[in-house]
Amino acid sequence: MEQTFKNIPNEYKIDELLHQNTYLVDGELKEWKGKKSNVFSTISSTKEYQPTLLGTVPDLSEEVGLEALKSAEKAYDRGQGLWPTMKVADRIAAMEKFVSQMKTKREQVVKLLMWEIGKSLPDSQKEFDRTVEYIYDTIEDYKKMDRTSAKFEKNSGVYAHIRRGPLGVVFCLGPYNYPLNETFTLLIPALIMGNTAIFKPAKHGVLLLAPLLEAFQNSFPAGVVNIIFGRGRTLATPIMKTGKVDVLALIGNSKSANTIQENHPNKNRLRLVLGLEAKNPAIILPDADLDLTINECIIGTTSFNGQRCTALKVVYVHEAIVDEFNKRFSAKVDTLKFGNPWESGVLLTPLPEPNKPAYIQELIDDATSKGAKIINKNGGKTTENFIFPAVLYPVSKEMRVFDEEQFGPVIPILSFKDIQEPLNDMAESNYGQQVSVFGSDVKTLAPLIDTLVNLVCRVNLNSSCQRGPDVYPFTGRKDSAVATLSVYDALRSFSIRTFVASKDSAYNNKILQELLDTKSSNFINTDYIL
């Protein structure tokens, strides 16, 4: 395995550093003249390895964080602000304006995705395009929701006009592995439902938001979107301690989520929308189609170097086929091409976290000291910014790699004789997002599926775990999630049912009819948005 430094295509070269010196608060791109943080890529652009400086971002102070909070509060204005009381059609128009401007920044964002987090060119393009599609799908679903609500119901002599209303101020924290897509699956539904937001990007994948700041500024009223840069501890802690945040929207780690929400003085009033870690298993039954299974397990364990919450992070193989599976699977892992993100056919790319190779090596060393072996030839080979996926077998419960979410290129394999073994492990696990089951015998699969749906929230039959399509529910049990994210569910996660009730009387009905005829209320209306 050799790191390549030469032949960077001109369109992907870092010719000019991106010094992001503004942040968005109260509708203004404000210049920051204080301390800044360097943004490095672990990808080297020189023959002698060294990280590449991409630019700088503001290292904002606690005061600026609180200024952003005040801006979001003012824009929401206890539910009386322009944005939360705006007509649905007008909020949709603002979102359409934003996504239209966003599309013009595709090339720049894709380039930064590759350099900042090491995501391959096809995957970076897919992340951008999928995010644009997600925004349009959200708009369409919001229209559908509004059409469904454009009516009066009558029960027990009471008319009701029921809609969904915003919750207030949302504090949004996105992940580094999908810094555009997964961040926007929080931010976009939160905004379109009438909430106001403070958004702080992750440590890695931060510069790629810079090209979109003007689009946010141009598209939404002042204070609706506030984008700040800096250390989570400096910004998040004081913001949460005020108790003024109504929703914590975070995709990341459960420990971080617990620490952040712990600062809120009124936890019963804090709505949580969390996408957290997982330890998704593959369970391979003796009658599984091995060709299909191996292909899906390769995708599941190694896509984006295993840096996905939906990655397959532990593989259970029935003892009757484990030797054959291990032989063929480990050989296929060794054929995967490593290189820089823009290189053709590359499936493994540099890791964005400088300390990740050392951490993965710790897991490998711990496992091999307790009886596991690296069963693929290239497993564990390292460069300055990468460690080749190590397939470990046999893995036992005493090993760190069995419990810890590795979020990187190491693949633990266990054999089992009785299906109850993996089921017990899943029941005892702190996580419960997804599982992949490989097999064909319906009599075996039926009771297994009936159990698995009570342990996780998505059972993938003969396919790897994944988030999409975005219209399907995305959630988890235990420490894996709070609330549900999908186009449909996210709109509901960031809103609450609210309604106007009126007793059926000539006096009330006349008033309601006049409200409808004059269109003087943005809430009480039966307009149909096409």
Protein backbone atom coordinates (compact mmCIF):
# COMPACT_ATOMS: atom_id res chain seq x y z
CA MET A 1 0.00 0.00 0.00
CA GLU A 2 1.51 3.26 -1.10
CA GLN A 3 0.31 6.82 -0.60
CA THR A 4 0.22 8.79 -3.84
CA PHE A 5 1.13 12.47 -3.81
CA LYS A 6 1.53 13.39 -7.45
CA ASN A 7 -0.82 14.02 -10.34
CA ILE A 8 -3.45 15.98 -8.45
CA PRO A 9 -5.85 17.19 -11.19
CA ASN A 10 -5.79 20.95 -11.59
CA GLU A 11 -9.46 21.31 -10.65
CA TYR A 12 -8.79 19.67 -7.27
CA LYS A 13 -5.54 21.41 -6.34
CA ILE A 14 -5.49 23.77 -3.36
CA ASP A 15 -4.20 26.85 -5.16
CA GLU A 16 -5.63 29.37 -2.76
CA LEU A 17 -6.26 29.07 0.99
CA LEU A 18 -9.80 29.68 2.17
CA HIS A 19 -9.70 32.09 5.09
CA GLN A 20 -13.22 32.16 6.44
CA ASN A 21 -13.25 35.33 8.52
CA THR A 22 -17.00 35.88 8.89
CA TYR A 23 -19.83 34.25 10.79
CA LEU A 24 -23.59 34.68 10.33
CA VAL A 25 -25.55 36.27 13.17
CA ASP A 26 -28.73 38.37 13.02
CA GLY A 27 -28.72 38.35 9.22
CA GLU A 28 -25.21 39.83 8.97
CA LEU A 29 -21.95 38.26 7.89
CA LYS A 30 -19.87 39.70 10.70
CA GLU A 31 -16.10 39.91 10.44
CA TRP A 32 -14.09 38.18 13.15
CA LYS A 33 -10.76 39.79 14.00
CA GLY A 34 -9.89 37.54 16.91
CA LYS A 35 -8.18 34.17 17.15
CA LYS A 36 -8.56 31.73 14.25
CA SER A 37 -8.03 28.00 13.89
CA ASN A 38 -6.06 26.43 11.06
CA VAL A 39 -7.90 23.80 9.05
CA PHE A 40 -5.66 20.98 7.86
CA SER A 41 -6.29 18.05 5.57
CA THR A 42 -4.57 14.76 6.33
CA ILE A 43 -4.11 14.47 2.55
CA SER A 44 -0.62 15.51 1.51
CA SER A 45 0.05 17.53 -1.63
CA THR A 46 3.81 17.06 -1.47
CA LYS A 47 6.02 14.02 -2.06
CA GLU A 48 7.38 14.20 1.48
CA TYR A 49 4.28 13.62 3.59
CA GLN A 50 2.84 16.54 5.45
CA PRO A 51 -0.76 17.64 6.18
CA THR A 52 -2.08 20.28 3.80
CA LEU A 53 -3.25 23.63 5.16
CA LEU A 54 -6.65 24.41 3.63
CA GLY A 55 -7.44 27.68 5.38
CA THR A 56 -8.70 29.10 8.64
CA VAL A 57 -11.99 29.51 10.50
CA PRO A 58 -12.95 31.86 13.35
CA ASP A 59 -12.38 30.55 16.86
CA LEU A 60 -15.35 32.44 18.25
CA SER A 61 -15.78 33.47 21.85
CA GLU A 62 -18.49 32.66 24.37
CA GLU A 63 -19.84 36.18 23.89
CA VAL A 64 -20.41 35.57 20.18
CA GLY A 65 -22.15 32.27 20.95
CA LEU A 66 -24.54 34.08 23.28
CA GLU A 67 -24.99 36.79 20.64
CA ALA A 68 -26.09 34.10 18.18
CA LEU A 69 -28.53 32.73 20.75
CA LYS A 70 -29.96 36.19 21.35
CA SER A 71 -30.36 36.63 17.59
CA ALA A 72 -32.30 33.35 17.27
CA GLU A 73 -34.44 34.28 20.28
CA LYS A 74 -35.25 37.69 18.78
CA ALA A 75 -36.19 36.16 15.42
CA TYR A 76 -38.51 33.65 17.13
CA ASP A 77 -39.79 36.33 19.54
CA ARG A 78 -41.68 33.85 21.72
CA GLY A 79 -43.59 32.64 18.67
CA GLN A 80 -44.50 36.16 17.50
CA GLY A 81 -41.61 36.64 15.07
CA LEU A 82 -41.92 37.05 11.32
CA TRP A 83 -40.62 33.54 10.58
CA PRO A 84 -42.74 31.41 12.95
CA THR A 85 -45.93 33.31 12.01
CA MET A 86 -45.18 33.43 8.28
CA LYS A 87 -47.43 31.77 5.70
CA VAL A 88 -46.32 28.25 4.81
CA ALA A 89 -46.02 29.26 1.14
CA ASP A 90 -43.62 32.07 2.08
CA ARG A 91 -41.37 29.79 4.18
CA ILE A 92 -41.31 27.36 1.26
CA ALA A 93 -40.33 30.19 -1.10
CA ALA A 94 -37.42 31.11 1.19
CA MET A 95 -36.22 27.48 1.23
CA GLU A 96 -36.50 27.25 -2.57
CA LYS A 97 -34.43 30.41 -2.88
CA PHE A 98 -31.78 28.89 -0.62
CA VAL A 99 -31.49 25.57 -2.45
CA SER A 100 -31.35 27.38 -5.80
CA GLN A 101 -28.32 29.37 -4.60
CA MET A 102 -26.82 26.31 -2.93
CA LYS A 103 -26.71 24.41 -6.23
CA THR A 104 -24.34 27.02 -7.69
CA LYS A 105 -21.72 26.07 -5.05
CA ARG A 106 -21.58 22.35 -5.90
CA GLU A 107 -18.06 22.28 -7.34
CA GLN A 108 -16.54 24.18 -4.41
CA VAL A 109 -18.32 22.13 -1.73
CA VAL A 110 -17.43 18.81 -3.39
CA LYS A 111 -13.76 19.79 -3.57
CA LEU A 112 -13.73 20.70 0.13
CA LEU A 113 -15.52 17.47 1.07
CA MET A 114 -12.67 15.52 -0.54
CA TRP A 115 -9.89 17.51 1.10
CA GLU A 116 -11.42 18.01 4.53
CA ILE A 117 -12.77 14.53 5.28
CA GLY A 118 -11.17 12.37 2.60
CA LYS A 119 -14.46 11.36 0.96
CA SER A 120 -14.06 9.98 -2.56
CA LEU A 121 -15.10 12.14 -5.53
CA PRO A 122 -18.20 10.04 -6.41
CA ASP A 123 -19.29 9.93 -2.75
CA SER A 124 -18.70 13.68 -2.31
CA GLN A 125 -20.78 14.42 -5.40
CA LYS A 126 -23.44 12.03 -4.15
CA GLU A 127 -23.53 13.73 -0.75
CA PHE A 128 -24.11 17.14 -2.31
CA ASP A 129 -26.73 15.93 -4.80
CA ARG A 130 -28.50 13.83 -2.19
CA THR A 131 -28.71 16.87 0.09
CA VAL A 132 -30.25 19.00 -2.64
CA GLU A 133 -32.74 16.22 -3.35
CA TYR A 134 -33.49 15.96 0.38
CA ILE A 135 -34.35 19.67 0.54
CA TYR A 136 -36.73 19.38 -2.42
CA ASP A 137 -38.32 16.25 -0.90
CA THR A 138 -38.76 18.10 2.40
CA ILE A 139 -40.47 20.97 0.62
CA GLU A 140 -42.84 18.57 -1.12
CA ASP A 141 -43.64 16.71 2.10
CA TYR A 142 -44.27 20.00 3.88
CA LYS A 143 -46.72 20.98 1.12
CA LYS A 144 -48.44 17.64 1.55
CA MET A 145 -48.64 18.14 5.33
CA ASP A 146 -50.13 21.60 4.82
CA ARG A 147 -52.71 20.31 2.33
CA THR A 148 -53.78 17.63 4.80
CA SER A 149 -54.20 20.31 7.50
CA ALA A 150 -56.17 22.71 5.32
CA LYS A 151 -59.54 21.72 6.78
CA PHE A 152 -61.80 21.84 9.83
CA GLU A 153 -62.78 18.79 11.80
CA LYS A 154 -65.90 18.49 13.96
CA ASN A 155 -66.36 16.25 16.96
CA SER A 156 -68.84 16.47 19.86
CA GLY A 157 -70.02 19.88 18.72
CA VAL A 158 -66.52 21.38 18.51
CA TYR A 159 -64.76 22.49 15.34
CA ALA A 160 -60.96 22.12 15.28
CA HIS A 161 -58.38 23.45 12.85
CA ILE A 162 -55.26 21.35 13.52
CA ARG A 163 -51.79 22.13 12.22
CA ARG A 164 -48.21 21.67 13.33
CA GLY A 165 -46.35 24.57 14.88
CA PRO A 166 -42.67 25.29 15.62
CA LEU A 167 -40.98 24.54 18.93
CA GLY A 168 -38.68 27.56 19.23
CA VAL A 169 -34.90 27.90 19.16
CA VAL A 170 -32.95 24.92 17.80
CA PHE A 171 -29.27 24.34 18.59
CA CYS A 172 -27.91 22.22 15.72
CA LEU A 173 -24.64 20.27 15.83
CA GLY A 174 -23.67 18.14 12.84
CA PRO A 175 -21.19 15.26 12.34
CA TYR A 176 -17.89 15.23 10.46
CA ASN A 177 -18.57 12.14 8.35
CA TYR A 178 -21.59 13.62 6.54
CA PRO A 179 -21.00 17.30 7.36
CA LEU A 180 -23.36 18.52 4.65
CA ASN A 181 -26.06 15.87 4.32
CA GLU A 182 -26.66 14.82 7.91
CA THR A 183 -26.34 18.37 9.20
CA PHE A 184 -28.99 19.50 6.73
CA THR A 185 -31.31 16.63 7.65
CA LEU A 186 -31.50 18.41 11.01
CA LEU A 187 -31.31 22.04 9.96
CA ILE A 188 -33.66 22.08 6.94
CA PRO A 189 -36.76 20.53 8.57
CA ALA A 190 -36.15 22.59 11.72
CA LEU A 191 -36.17 25.81 9.67
CA ILE A 192 -39.06 25.06 7.35
CA MET A 193 -41.31 24.26 10.32
CA GLY A 194 -40.82 27.82 11.59
CA ASN A 195 -38.09 27.34 14.19
CA THR A 196 -35.01 29.55 14.38
CA ALA A 197 -31.55 27.99 14.63
CA ILE A 198 -28.00 28.28 15.83
CA PHE A 199 -25.72 25.95 13.89
CA LYS A 200 -22.14 25.03 14.75
CA PRO A 201 -20.31 22.81 12.23
CA ALA A 202 -18.18 19.85 13.32
CA LYS A 203 -14.41 20.16 13.77
CA HIS A 204 -13.75 18.34 10.48
CA GLY A 205 -15.79 19.37 7.45
CA VAL A 206 -16.11 22.96 8.57
CA LEU A 207 -14.76 24.98 5.64
CA LEU A 208 -17.19 23.39 3.20
CA LEU A 209 -20.02 25.36 4.87
CA ALA A 210 -18.31 28.66 4.06
CA PRO A 211 -19.52 28.82 0.42
CA LEU A 212 -23.13 28.54 1.65
CA LEU A 213 -23.14 31.38 4.20
CA GLU A 214 -24.29 33.99 1.71
CA ALA A 215 -27.11 31.74 0.52
CA PHE A 216 -28.33 31.42 4.11
CA GLN A 217 -28.03 35.17 4.61
CA ASN A 218 -29.88 36.00 1.37
CA SER A 219 -32.69 33.50 1.76
CA PHE A 220 -33.94 33.79 5.34
CA PRO A 221 -35.02 36.71 7.56
CA ALA A 222 -32.45 38.10 9.98
CA GLY A 223 -31.74 35.80 12.92
CA VAL A 224 -33.53 32.75 11.55
CA VAL A 225 -30.22 31.02 10.77
CA ASN A 226 -27.09 31.78 12.81
CA ILE A 227 -23.86 29.99 11.89
CA ILE A 228 -20.95 30.08 14.31
CA PHE A 229 -17.50 28.48 14.34
CA GLY A 230 -15.30 27.39 17.21
CA ARG A 231 -14.88 24.98 20.09
CA GLY A 232 -17.94 23.14 21.32
CA ARG A 233 -16.98 23.60 24.94
CA THR A 234 -16.59 27.37 24.51
CA LEU A 235 -19.83 27.84 22.58
CA ALA A 236 -22.23 25.00 23.44
CA THR A 237 -21.87 25.06 27.22
CA PRO A 238 -22.85 28.72 27.81
CA ILE A 239 -25.61 28.54 25.19
CA MET A 240 -27.21 25.53 26.87
CA LYS A 241 -26.77 26.92 30.40
CA THR A 242 -29.10 29.81 29.56
CA GLY A 243 -32.02 27.38 29.27
CA LYS A 244 -33.14 29.32 26.18
CA VAL A 245 -32.60 26.41 23.76
CA ASP A 246 -35.85 24.56 23.02
CA VAL A 247 -34.43 21.78 20.84
CA LEU A 248 -31.03 20.11 20.84
CA ALA A 249 -30.47 18.59 17.40
CA LEU A 250 -27.26 16.60 17.27
CA ILE A 251 -25.73 13.82 15.22
CA GLY A 252 -22.70 12.42 16.97
CA ASN A 253 -21.82 10.57 20.13
CA SER A 254 -24.11 9.74 23.06
CA LYS A 255 -21.50 10.90 25.60
CA SER A 256 -21.30 14.30 23.90
CA ALA A 257 -25.09 14.50 23.74
CA ASN A 258 -25.39 13.70 27.45
CA THR A 259 -22.74 16.27 28.38
CA ILE A 260 -24.37 19.02 26.31
CA GLN A 261 -27.93 18.46 27.52
CA GLU A 262 -26.68 18.17 31.10
CA ASN A 263 -25.98 21.92 30.96
CA HIS A 264 -29.64 22.77 30.32
CA PRO A 265 -31.40 23.84 33.53
CA ASN A 266 -34.89 22.78 32.37
CA LYS A 267 -34.41 19.33 30.84
CA ASN A 268 -38.13 18.57 30.82
CA ARG A 269 -38.55 21.46 28.38
CA LEU A 270 -35.70 20.41 26.10
CA ARG A 271 -36.76 18.48 23.00
CA LEU A 272 -34.05 16.08 21.78
CA VAL A 273 -33.45 15.06 18.17
CA LEU A 274 -30.36 12.86 18.26
CA GLY A 275 -28.66 10.52 15.80
CA LEU A 276 -26.01 8.69 17.79
CA GLU A 277 -23.55 5.81 17.55
CA ALA A 278 -24.29 2.20 16.68
CA LYS A 279 -22.66 -1.21 16.59
CA ASN A 280 -24.65 -2.70 13.75
CA PRO A 281 -24.09 -6.46 13.33
CA ALA A 282 -24.28 -8.70 10.30
CA ILE A 283 -25.70 -12.16 11.02
CA ILE A 284 -24.76 -14.70 8.34
CA LEU A 285 -26.80 -17.91 8.39
CA PRO A 286 -25.49 -21.22 6.99
CA ASP A 287 -27.73 -21.04 3.89
CA ALA A 288 -26.68 -17.51 2.91
CA ASP A 289 -25.70 -16.80 -0.69
CA LEU A 290 -21.99 -16.17 -0.05
CA ASP A 291 -21.35 -14.16 -3.23
CA LEU A 292 -24.13 -11.72 -2.38
CA THR A 293 -23.28 -11.73 1.34
CA ILE A 294 -19.60 -10.96 0.82
CA ASN A 295 -20.36 -8.11 -1.58
CA GLU A 296 -22.84 -6.55 0.85
CA CYS A 297 -20.51 -7.03 3.83
CA ILE A 298 -17.67 -5.34 1.91
CA ILE A 299 -19.93 -2.34 1.30
CA GLY A 300 -21.20 -2.40 4.86
CA THR A 301 -17.83 -2.61 6.60
CA THR A 302 -15.57 -0.53 4.34
CA SER A 303 -17.66 2.22 2.68
CA PHE A 304 -16.03 5.53 3.63
CA ASN A 305 -13.53 3.45 5.62
CA GLY A 306 -16.26 2.31 8.02
CA GLN A 307 -16.79 5.90 9.24
CA ARG A 308 -20.58 5.68 9.21
CA CYS A 309 -22.99 5.10 12.08
CA THR A 310 -24.79 2.65 9.76
CA ALA A 311 -21.60 0.68 8.98
CA LEU A 312 -21.46 -3.02 9.80
CA LYS A 313 -19.20 -2.98 12.84
CA VAL A 314 -19.30 -6.64 13.90
CA VAL A 315 -19.89 -9.73 11.76
CA TYR A 316 -21.40 -12.98 13.10
CA VAL A 317 -20.89 -16.00 10.82
CA HIS A 318 -22.34 -19.45 11.40
CA GLU A 319 -19.61 -21.94 12.25
CA ALA A 320 -20.57 -24.18 9.30
CA ILE A 321 -19.46 -21.54 6.77
CA VAL A 322 -17.09 -19.30 8.74
CA ASP A 323 -13.88 -20.69 7.21
CA GLU A 324 -15.13 -20.25 3.66
CA PHE A 325 -16.53 -16.80 4.41
CA ASN A 326 -13.31 -15.63 6.08
CA LYS A 327 -11.16 -16.84 3.21
CA ARG A 328 -13.19 -15.16 0.50
CA PHE A 329 -14.10 -12.03 2.45
CA SER A 330 -10.55 -11.24 3.61
CA ALA A 331 -9.21 -11.81 0.09
CA LYS A 332 -11.76 -9.35 -1.29
CA VAL A 333 -10.91 -6.73 1.34
CA ASP A 334 -7.29 -6.90 0.19
CA THR A 335 -8.31 -6.03 -3.38
CA LEU A 336 -9.78 -2.67 -2.35
CA LYS A 337 -7.87 0.25 -3.79
CA PHE A 338 -6.44 2.91 -1.48
CA GLY A 339 -5.63 6.39 -2.71
CA ASN A 340 -6.59 10.04 -2.76
CA PRO A 341 -10.31 10.86 -3.16
CA TRP A 342 -10.17 12.03 -6.78
CA GLU A 343 -8.34 8.94 -8.06
CA SER A 344 -10.40 6.63 -10.25
CA GLY A 345 -11.67 3.44 -8.63
CA VAL A 346 -10.53 4.40 -5.13
CA LEU A 347 -12.60 2.80 -2.35
CA LEU A 348 -10.35 3.49 0.64
CA THR A 349 -9.21 7.04 1.35
CA PRO A 350 -7.16 8.95 3.96
CA LEU A 351 -8.73 9.23 7.40
CA PRO A 352 -9.64 12.82 8.37
CA GLU A 353 -8.84 12.42 12.07
CA PRO A 354 -5.04 12.50 12.59
CA ASN A 355 -5.24 10.24 15.66
CA LYS A 356 -7.55 7.61 14.09
CA PRO A 357 -4.84 5.26 12.70
CA ALA A 358 -3.26 5.03 16.17
CA TYR A 359 -6.65 4.32 17.76
CA ILE A 360 -7.43 1.56 15.27
CA GLN A 361 -3.98 0.09 15.95
CA GLU A 362 -4.81 0.03 19.67
CA LEU A 363 -7.94 -2.01 18.93
CA ILE A 364 -5.95 -4.39 16.73
CA ASP A 365 -3.19 -4.81 19.34
CA ASP A 366 -5.75 -5.45 22.10
CA ALA A 367 -7.55 -8.07 20.01
CA THR A 368 -4.41 -9.89 18.89
CA SER A 369 -3.10 -9.97 22.46
CA LYS A 370 -6.30 -11.80 23.43
CA GLY A 371 -6.27 -14.44 20.71
CA ALA A 372 -7.52 -12.82 17.51
CA LYS A 373 -5.53 -12.90 14.28
CA ILE A 374 -5.38 -10.51 11.34
CA ILE A 375 -6.60 -12.83 8.57
CA ASN A 376 -6.07 -10.55 5.55
CA LYS A 377 -2.57 -9.91 4.21
CA ASN A 378 -2.83 -6.12 4.06
CA GLY A 379 -4.65 -5.73 7.37
CA GLY A 380 -3.11 -3.13 9.66
CA LYS A 381 -0.59 -1.74 7.16
CA THR A 382 -0.22 1.95 7.83
CA THR A 383 0.72 5.21 6.17
CA GLU A 384 0.84 8.58 7.88
CA ASN A 385 -2.88 9.12 7.31
CA PHE A 386 -4.40 5.65 6.96
CA ILE A 387 -4.51 2.12 8.30
CA PHE A 388 -5.64 -0.62 5.95
CA PRO A 389 -8.79 -2.50 7.08
CA ALA A 390 -7.82 -5.35 9.39
CA VAL A 391 -10.13 -8.37 9.39
CA LEU A 392 -9.90 -9.88 12.88
CA TYR A 393 -10.88 -13.47 13.77
CA PRO A 394 -11.81 -15.01 16.15
CA VAL A 395 -13.08 -12.07 18.20
CA SER A 396 -14.38 -12.49 21.74
CA LYS A 397 -16.37 -10.32 24.13
CA GLU A 398 -13.28 -9.47 26.18
CA MET A 399 -11.81 -7.49 23.29
CA ARG A 400 -12.31 -3.72 23.01
CA VAL A 401 -13.25 -4.01 19.34
CA PHE A 402 -16.29 -6.09 20.34
CA ASP A 403 -17.82 -3.30 22.45
CA GLU A 404 -16.40 -0.04 21.15
CA GLU A 405 -17.80 1.61 18.06
CA GLN A 406 -14.58 1.62 16.01
CA PHE A 407 -15.81 4.12 13.39
CA GLY A 408 -12.89 3.18 11.17
CA PRO A 409 -11.21 0.37 9.22
CA VAL A 410 -11.19 -2.69 11.45
CA ILE A 411 -13.61 -5.61 10.99
CA PRO A 412 -14.27 -8.03 13.89
CA ILE A 413 -15.67 -11.47 13.01
CA LEU A 414 -17.23 -13.96 15.45
CA SER A 415 -18.53 -17.44 14.71
CA PHE A 416 -21.72 -18.78 16.27
CA LYS A 417 -23.43 -22.15 16.56
CA ASP A 418 -26.76 -21.13 18.04
CA ILE A 419 -28.63 -18.06 16.75
CA GLN A 420 -29.33 -17.14 20.36
CA GLU A 421 -25.66 -16.12 20.75
CA PRO A 422 -25.82 -13.02 18.51
CA LEU A 423 -29.35 -12.28 19.72
CA ASN A 424 -28.18 -12.24 23.34
CA ASP A 425 -25.27 -9.98 22.44
CA MET A 426 -27.62 -7.55 20.67
CA ALA A 427 -30.02 -7.54 23.63
CA GLU A 428 -27.14 -6.74 26.01
CA SER A 429 -25.63 -4.08 23.73
CA ASN A 430 -26.02 -0.37 24.47
CA TYR A 431 -27.04 0.16 20.86
CA GLY A 432 -29.99 -0.75 18.68
CA GLN A 433 -29.96 0.92 15.29
CA GLN A 434 -29.89 -1.73 12.53
CA VAL A 435 -28.90 -5.29 11.66
CA SER A 436 -28.15 -7.12 8.41
CA VAL A 437 -29.39 -10.72 8.12
CA PHE A 438 -28.16 -13.02 5.37
CA GLY A 439 -30.03 -16.25 4.62
CA SER A 440 -32.84 -17.74 2.56
CA ASP A 441 -34.79 -20.28 4.62
CA VAL A 442 -38.11 -18.65 5.47
CA LYS A 443 -38.77 -20.93 8.45
CA THR A 444 -35.49 -19.74 9.98
CA LEU A 445 -35.84 -16.11 8.96
CA ALA A 446 -39.44 -15.58 10.12
CA PRO A 447 -38.92 -16.01 13.89
CA LEU A 448 -35.52 -14.32 13.65
CA ILE A 449 -37.01 -11.21 12.03
CA ASP A 450 -39.82 -11.15 14.60
CA THR A 451 -37.20 -10.94 17.36
CA LEU A 452 -34.80 -8.56 15.61
CA VAL A 453 -37.44 -5.88 14.99
CA ASN A 454 -37.71 -5.57 18.78
CA LEU A 455 -33.94 -5.16 19.21
CA VAL A 456 -33.22 -2.67 16.42
CA CYS A 457 -35.22 -0.27 14.25
CA ARG A 458 -34.30 -1.57 10.81
CA VAL A 459 -33.69 -5.16 9.72
CA ASN A 460 -31.90 -5.37 6.37
CA LEU A 461 -32.56 -8.64 4.58
CA ASN A 462 -29.60 -9.78 2.48
CA SER A 463 -28.28 -6.23 2.27
CA SER A 464 -25.93 -3.98 4.21
CA CYS A 465 -27.17 -1.41 6.72
CA GLN A 466 -27.83 2.07 5.38
CA ARG A 467 -29.72 5.27 6.06
CA GLY A 468 -31.53 5.74 2.77
CA PRO A 469 -33.83 6.14 1.05
CA ASP A 470 -34.43 9.33 3.05
CA VAL A 471 -38.20 8.79 2.99
CA TYR A 472 -37.80 5.74 5.28
CA PRO A 473 -37.60 6.16 9.08
CA PHE A 474 -34.08 6.60 10.45
CA THR A 475 -33.83 6.06 14.18
CA GLY A 476 -32.54 3.66 16.82
CA ARG A 477 -33.12 2.20 20.26
CA LYS A 478 -31.14 2.71 23.47
CA ASP A 479 -28.02 4.85 22.94
CA SER A 480 -28.40 4.96 19.14
CA ALA A 481 -31.00 7.71 18.68
CA VAL A 482 -33.73 9.92 20.09
CA ALA A 483 -36.57 10.85 17.69
CA THR A 484 -36.86 9.79 14.06
CA LEU A 485 -35.23 11.38 11.04
CA SER A 486 -36.67 10.91 7.58
CA VAL A 487 -38.26 13.43 5.27
CA TYR A 488 -41.67 12.72 6.82
CA ASP A 489 -40.64 12.18 10.43
CA ALA A 490 -38.14 15.04 10.75
CA LEU A 491 -40.84 17.61 10.03
CA ARG A 492 -42.76 16.16 12.96
CA SER A 493 -39.71 15.86 15.21
CA PHE A 494 -39.16 19.63 14.91
CA SER A 495 -42.78 20.63 15.48
CA ILE A 496 -45.78 20.10 17.73
CA ARG A 497 -49.49 19.66 17.02
CA THR A 498 -51.38 22.83 17.79
CA PHE A 499 -54.94 23.84 16.95
CA VAL A 500 -57.79 26.31 17.24
CA ALA A 501 -61.03 24.95 18.71
CA SER A 502 -64.45 26.56 18.44
CA LYS A 503 -67.86 25.45 19.70
CA ASP A 504 -70.38 25.02 16.91
CA SER A 505 -72.54 28.14 17.19
CA ALA A 506 -73.80 30.75 14.76
CA TYR A 507 -71.72 33.40 16.53
CA ASN A 508 -68.42 31.42 16.32
CA ASN A 509 -69.07 30.08 12.84
CA LYS A 510 -69.57 33.59 11.46
CA ILE A 511 -66.19 34.62 12.90
CA LEU A 512 -64.44 31.55 11.49
CA GLN A 513 -66.00 32.13 8.07
CA GLU A 514 -64.83 35.73 8.08
CA LEU A 515 -61.30 34.63 9.05
CA LEU A 516 -61.31 32.27 6.09
CA ASP A 517 -62.85 34.74 3.64
CA THR A 518 -60.50 37.60 4.49
CA LYS A 519 -57.39 35.37 4.69
CA SER A 520 -56.25 37.58 7.56
CA SER A 521 -54.79 34.66 9.57
CA ASN A 522 -51.76 32.71 8.42
CA PHE A 523 -52.78 29.83 10.70
CA ILE A 524 -56.51 29.56 10.02
CA ASN A 525 -56.74 29.00 6.30
CA THR A 526 -57.80 26.29 3.89
CA ASP A 527 -55.58 27.35 0.99
CA TYR A 528 -54.28 24.44 -1.05
CA ILE A 529 -50.58 24.70 -1.96
CA LEU A 530 -49.85 22.91 -5.23
